[in-house]
Amino acid sequence: TDDKAFGPGIAQLLHRVEEFHSLRSAAGSMEMAYSKAWTIIKNSEKALGYLLLTSTTGGKNGGGAELTDEGAALLRKYDAFCAEMQAYGDKLFAEKFGG
């Protein structure tokens, strides 16, 4: 689609979900409203055509969220892409500006 589906902000949010096992906690750690985080996730899932998170509501075990297999794979590929781009940028900078 022409809509942005994935980028650094949602990647950071997904990393925080992995860390905290909760979308609410992940959003809070980024000083983001839970409702905004939920909207971002849902819009991205709609654009991508697959779920990024699975979640369970509270109760005896407290609920939580985790990345789907597809969400985890996308995040790993995005992280690898960013690392390669950073390495290329560092190399290009050294070529153009020395050192």
N, C-alpha and C. Protein backbone atom coordinates (compact mmCIF):
# COMPACT_ATOMS: atom_id res chain seq x y z
N THR A 1 0.85 -1.19 0.00
CA THR A 1 0.00 0.00 0.00
C THR A 1 0.87 1.23 0.00
N ASP A 2 0.25 2.38 -0.16
CA ASP A 2 0.98 3.64 -0.08
C ASP A 2 1.17 4.08 1.37
N ASP A 3 0.47 3.43 2.29
CA ASP A 3 0.60 3.77 3.70
C ASP A 3 1.86 3.14 4.27
N LYS A 4 2.47 3.86 5.21
CA LYS A 4 3.64 3.33 5.91
C LYS A 4 3.19 2.18 6.79
N ALA A 5 3.84 1.03 6.65
CA ALA A 5 3.43 -0.15 7.41
C ALA A 5 4.42 -0.53 8.50
N PHE A 6 5.69 -0.14 8.34
CA PHE A 6 6.70 -0.56 9.29
C PHE A 6 7.88 0.39 9.23
N GLY A 7 8.47 0.68 10.37
CA GLY A 7 9.63 1.56 10.44
C GLY A 7 10.24 1.51 11.82
N PRO A 8 11.11 2.48 12.12
CA PRO A 8 11.83 2.44 13.38
C PRO A 8 10.94 2.53 14.62
N GLY A 9 9.87 3.29 14.56
CA GLY A 9 9.00 3.43 15.72
C GLY A 9 8.30 2.14 16.09
N ILE A 10 7.71 1.48 15.10
CA ILE A 10 7.01 0.23 15.39
C ILE A 10 8.01 -0.88 15.73
N ALA A 11 9.20 -0.83 15.14
CA ALA A 11 10.23 -1.80 15.49
C ALA A 11 10.60 -1.65 16.97
N GLN A 12 10.78 -0.41 17.42
CA GLN A 12 11.09 -0.17 18.82
C GLN A 12 9.96 -0.66 19.71
N LEU A 13 8.73 -0.40 19.31
CA LEU A 13 7.57 -0.87 20.08
C LEU A 13 7.56 -2.39 20.19
N LEU A 14 7.83 -3.08 19.09
CA LEU A 14 7.86 -4.54 19.12
C LEU A 14 9.01 -5.07 19.97
N HIS A 15 10.15 -4.42 19.93
CA HIS A 15 11.26 -4.82 20.81
C HIS A 15 10.86 -4.68 22.28
N ARG A 16 10.14 -3.63 22.58
CA ARG A 16 9.69 -3.42 23.96
C ARG A 16 8.65 -4.46 24.36
N VAL A 17 7.79 -4.86 23.42
CA VAL A 17 6.84 -5.93 23.71
C VAL A 17 7.59 -7.21 24.03
N GLU A 18 8.64 -7.51 23.27
CA GLU A 18 9.47 -8.69 23.58
C GLU A 18 10.06 -8.59 24.98
N GLU A 19 10.48 -7.39 25.35
CA GLU A 19 11.11 -7.19 26.65
C GLU A 19 10.11 -7.29 27.80
N PHE A 20 8.96 -6.64 27.65
CA PHE A 20 8.00 -6.54 28.75
C PHE A 20 6.85 -7.54 28.68
N HIS A 21 6.69 -8.21 27.53
CA HIS A 21 5.59 -9.16 27.33
C HIS A 21 4.22 -8.51 27.54
N SER A 22 4.15 -7.23 27.17
CA SER A 22 2.93 -6.47 27.36
C SER A 22 2.96 -5.25 26.45
N LEU A 23 1.89 -5.07 25.68
CA LEU A 23 1.81 -3.87 24.84
C LEU A 23 1.64 -2.63 25.71
N ARG A 24 0.86 -2.73 26.76
CA ARG A 24 0.66 -1.59 27.66
C ARG A 24 1.99 -1.15 28.28
N SER A 25 2.77 -2.09 28.78
CA SER A 25 4.06 -1.76 29.38
C SER A 25 5.04 -1.24 28.34
N ALA A 26 5.02 -1.84 27.16
CA ALA A 26 5.89 -1.37 26.08
C ALA A 26 5.57 0.07 25.72
N ALA A 27 4.29 0.37 25.56
CA ALA A 27 3.87 1.73 25.24
C ALA A 27 4.27 2.69 26.36
N GLY A 28 4.03 2.30 27.59
CA GLY A 28 4.38 3.15 28.72
C GLY A 28 5.87 3.44 28.79
N SER A 29 6.70 2.47 28.45
CA SER A 29 8.15 2.67 28.49
C SER A 29 8.61 3.66 27.42
N MET A 30 7.75 3.87 26.41
CA MET A 30 8.05 4.82 25.34
C MET A 30 7.28 6.13 25.54
N GLU A 31 6.61 6.26 26.68
CA GLU A 31 5.77 7.41 26.98
C GLU A 31 4.72 7.62 25.89
N MET A 32 4.11 6.51 25.48
CA MET A 32 3.08 6.49 24.45
C MET A 32 1.79 5.96 25.07
N ALA A 33 0.69 6.53 24.69
CA ALA A 33 -0.60 6.04 25.17
C ALA A 33 -0.83 4.63 24.63
N TYR A 34 -1.40 3.79 25.48
CA TYR A 34 -1.72 2.42 25.07
C TYR A 34 -2.62 2.42 23.84
N SER A 35 -3.59 3.31 23.80
CA SER A 35 -4.52 3.35 22.66
C SER A 35 -3.78 3.69 21.37
N LYS A 36 -2.78 4.56 21.46
CA LYS A 36 -1.99 4.90 20.27
C LYS A 36 -1.16 3.69 19.82
N ALA A 37 -0.56 3.01 20.77
CA ALA A 37 0.24 1.82 20.44
C ALA A 37 -0.63 0.77 19.77
N TRP A 38 -1.84 0.56 20.31
CA TRP A 38 -2.76 -0.42 19.75
C TRP A 38 -3.14 -0.03 18.33
N THR A 39 -3.41 1.25 18.10
CA THR A 39 -3.76 1.73 16.76
C THR A 39 -2.61 1.54 15.79
N ILE A 40 -1.41 1.83 16.22
CA ILE A 40 -0.22 1.65 15.36
C ILE A 40 -0.08 0.18 14.96
N ILE A 41 -0.21 -0.71 15.93
CA ILE A 41 -0.09 -2.14 15.65
C ILE A 41 -1.18 -2.58 14.67
N LYS A 42 -2.41 -2.21 14.94
CA LYS A 42 -3.53 -2.63 14.08
C LYS A 42 -3.39 -2.09 12.67
N ASN A 43 -2.97 -0.84 12.51
CA ASN A 43 -2.77 -0.26 11.18
C ASN A 43 -1.66 -0.97 10.42
N SER A 44 -0.59 -1.31 11.12
CA SER A 44 0.51 -2.02 10.49
C SER A 44 0.08 -3.42 10.07
N GLU A 45 -0.64 -4.11 10.95
CA GLU A 45 -1.12 -5.45 10.62
C GLU A 45 -2.04 -5.41 9.40
N LYS A 46 -2.88 -4.41 9.33
CA LYS A 46 -3.80 -4.29 8.19
C LYS A 46 -3.01 -4.08 6.90
N ALA A 47 -2.02 -3.21 6.93
CA ALA A 47 -1.22 -2.93 5.74
C ALA A 47 -0.37 -4.13 5.33
N LEU A 48 0.16 -4.85 6.31
CA LEU A 48 1.03 -6.00 6.02
C LEU A 48 0.24 -7.25 5.64
N GLY A 49 -0.97 -7.36 6.17
CA GLY A 49 -1.79 -8.53 5.86
C GLY A 49 -1.59 -9.70 6.80
N TYR A 50 -0.94 -9.47 7.93
CA TYR A 50 -0.79 -10.52 8.93
C TYR A 50 -0.62 -9.89 10.31
N LEU A 51 -0.85 -10.72 11.34
CA LEU A 51 -0.75 -10.26 12.72
C LEU A 51 0.70 -10.14 13.15
N LEU A 52 0.98 -9.10 13.93
CA LEU A 52 2.30 -8.92 14.52
C LEU A 52 2.34 -9.41 15.96
N LEU A 53 1.21 -9.31 16.65
CA LEU A 53 1.13 -9.67 18.06
C LEU A 53 -0.03 -10.62 18.32
N THR A 54 0.13 -11.43 19.32
CA THR A 54 -0.99 -12.15 19.92
C THR A 54 -1.07 -11.64 21.34
N SER A 55 -2.27 -11.54 21.86
CA SER A 55 -2.42 -11.04 23.22
C SER A 55 -3.49 -11.82 23.95
N THR A 56 -3.34 -11.82 25.27
CA THR A 56 -4.34 -12.42 26.14
C THR A 56 -4.75 -11.36 27.15
N THR A 57 -6.01 -11.38 27.51
CA THR A 57 -6.50 -10.41 28.48
C THR A 57 -6.10 -10.84 29.89
N GLY A 58 -6.22 -9.93 30.82
CA GLY A 58 -5.86 -10.18 32.21
C GLY A 58 -6.65 -11.32 32.81
N GLY A 59 -6.52 -11.47 34.07
CA GLY A 59 -7.17 -12.57 34.76
C GLY A 59 -6.19 -13.25 35.69
N LYS A 60 -6.36 -14.52 35.88
CA LYS A 60 -5.52 -15.26 36.82
C LYS A 60 -4.04 -15.16 36.48
N ASN A 61 -3.71 -15.26 35.20
CA ASN A 61 -2.30 -15.20 34.79
C ASN A 61 -1.86 -13.81 34.36
N GLY A 62 -2.73 -12.82 34.43
CA GLY A 62 -2.34 -11.44 34.18
C GLY A 62 -2.33 -10.98 32.74
N GLY A 63 -2.51 -11.86 31.79
CA GLY A 63 -2.53 -11.46 30.39
C GLY A 63 -1.16 -11.06 29.88
N GLY A 64 -1.12 -10.57 28.65
CA GLY A 64 0.14 -10.13 28.07
C GLY A 64 0.10 -10.19 26.56
N ALA A 65 1.25 -9.95 25.96
CA ALA A 65 1.36 -9.94 24.50
C ALA A 65 2.70 -10.54 24.09
N GLU A 66 2.71 -11.13 22.91
CA GLU A 66 3.96 -11.63 22.35
C GLU A 66 3.89 -11.51 20.83
N LEU A 67 5.06 -11.49 20.22
CA LEU A 67 5.12 -11.40 18.77
C LEU A 67 4.69 -12.72 18.15
N THR A 68 3.98 -12.63 17.04
CA THR A 68 3.68 -13.82 16.26
C THR A 68 4.98 -14.26 15.57
N ASP A 69 4.97 -15.44 15.00
CA ASP A 69 6.15 -15.89 14.24
C ASP A 69 6.45 -14.93 13.10
N GLU A 70 5.39 -14.47 12.42
CA GLU A 70 5.57 -13.52 11.31
C GLU A 70 6.10 -12.18 11.81
N GLY A 71 5.59 -11.73 12.95
CA GLY A 71 6.05 -10.47 13.52
C GLY A 71 7.51 -10.54 13.94
N ALA A 72 7.89 -11.65 14.56
CA ALA A 72 9.28 -11.84 14.98
C ALA A 72 10.21 -11.91 13.77
N ALA A 73 9.79 -12.60 12.72
CA ALA A 73 10.61 -12.71 11.51
C ALA A 73 10.79 -11.35 10.85
N LEU A 74 9.71 -10.57 10.78
CA LEU A 74 9.80 -9.24 10.19
C LEU A 74 10.75 -8.36 11.00
N LEU A 75 10.65 -8.42 12.32
CA LEU A 75 11.51 -7.60 13.17
C LEU A 75 12.97 -7.99 13.00
N ARG A 76 13.26 -9.29 12.92
CA ARG A 76 14.66 -9.73 12.72
C ARG A 76 15.19 -9.26 11.37
N LYS A 77 14.37 -9.38 10.32
CA LYS A 77 14.80 -8.92 9.00
C LYS A 77 15.03 -7.41 8.99
N TYR A 78 14.15 -6.67 9.66
CA TYR A 78 14.29 -5.21 9.72
C TYR A 78 15.57 -4.84 10.48
N ASP A 79 15.83 -5.53 11.60
CA ASP A 79 17.05 -5.26 12.36
C ASP A 79 18.30 -5.54 11.51
N ALA A 80 18.28 -6.63 10.76
CA ALA A 80 19.41 -6.97 9.90
C ALA A 80 19.58 -5.92 8.80
N PHE A 81 18.48 -5.48 8.22
CA PHE A 81 18.51 -4.43 7.20
C PHE A 81 19.13 -3.15 7.77
N CYS A 82 18.70 -2.75 8.96
CA CYS A 82 19.23 -1.53 9.58
C CYS A 82 20.72 -1.66 9.88
N ALA A 83 21.13 -2.83 10.35
CA ALA A 83 22.55 -3.05 10.64
C ALA A 83 23.39 -2.96 9.37
N GLU A 84 22.89 -3.54 8.29
CA GLU A 84 23.62 -3.47 7.01
C GLU A 84 23.67 -2.04 6.48
N MET A 85 22.57 -1.32 6.61
CA MET A 85 22.55 0.07 6.16
C MET A 85 23.52 0.92 6.98
N GLN A 86 23.59 0.69 8.29
CA GLN A 86 24.51 1.42 9.14
C GLN A 86 25.96 1.12 8.75
N ALA A 87 26.27 -0.15 8.51
CA ALA A 87 27.62 -0.53 8.12
C ALA A 87 27.99 0.10 6.78
N TYR A 88 27.05 0.09 5.84
CA TYR A 88 27.32 0.71 4.54
C TYR A 88 27.51 2.22 4.71
N GLY A 89 26.70 2.84 5.51
CA GLY A 89 26.83 4.28 5.76
C GLY A 89 28.17 4.62 6.38
N ASP A 90 28.61 3.82 7.33
CA ASP A 90 29.91 4.04 7.96
C ASP A 90 31.04 3.92 6.94
N LYS A 91 30.94 2.90 6.09
CA LYS A 91 31.95 2.68 5.05
C LYS A 91 31.98 3.84 4.06
N LEU A 92 30.82 4.26 3.62
CA LEU A 92 30.72 5.35 2.66
C LEU A 92 31.24 6.65 3.26
N PHE A 93 30.91 6.90 4.52
CA PHE A 93 31.40 8.11 5.19
C PHE A 93 32.93 8.11 5.24
N ALA A 94 33.50 6.96 5.60
CA ALA A 94 34.97 6.86 5.67
C ALA A 94 35.60 7.09 4.29
N GLU A 95 34.95 6.57 3.24
CA GLU A 95 35.47 6.76 1.88
C GLU A 95 35.43 8.23 1.48
N LYS A 96 34.36 8.90 1.79
CA LYS A 96 34.16 10.29 1.34
C LYS A 96 34.88 11.30 2.22
N PHE A 97 35.00 11.02 3.50
CA PHE A 97 35.53 12.02 4.42
C PHE A 97 36.78 11.56 5.15
N GLY A 98 37.27 10.38 4.83
CA GLY A 98 38.49 9.86 5.45
C GLY A 98 38.27 9.41 6.88
N GLY A 99 39.05 8.42 7.28
CA GLY A 99 39.00 7.93 8.66
C GLY A 99 37.71 7.34 8.97
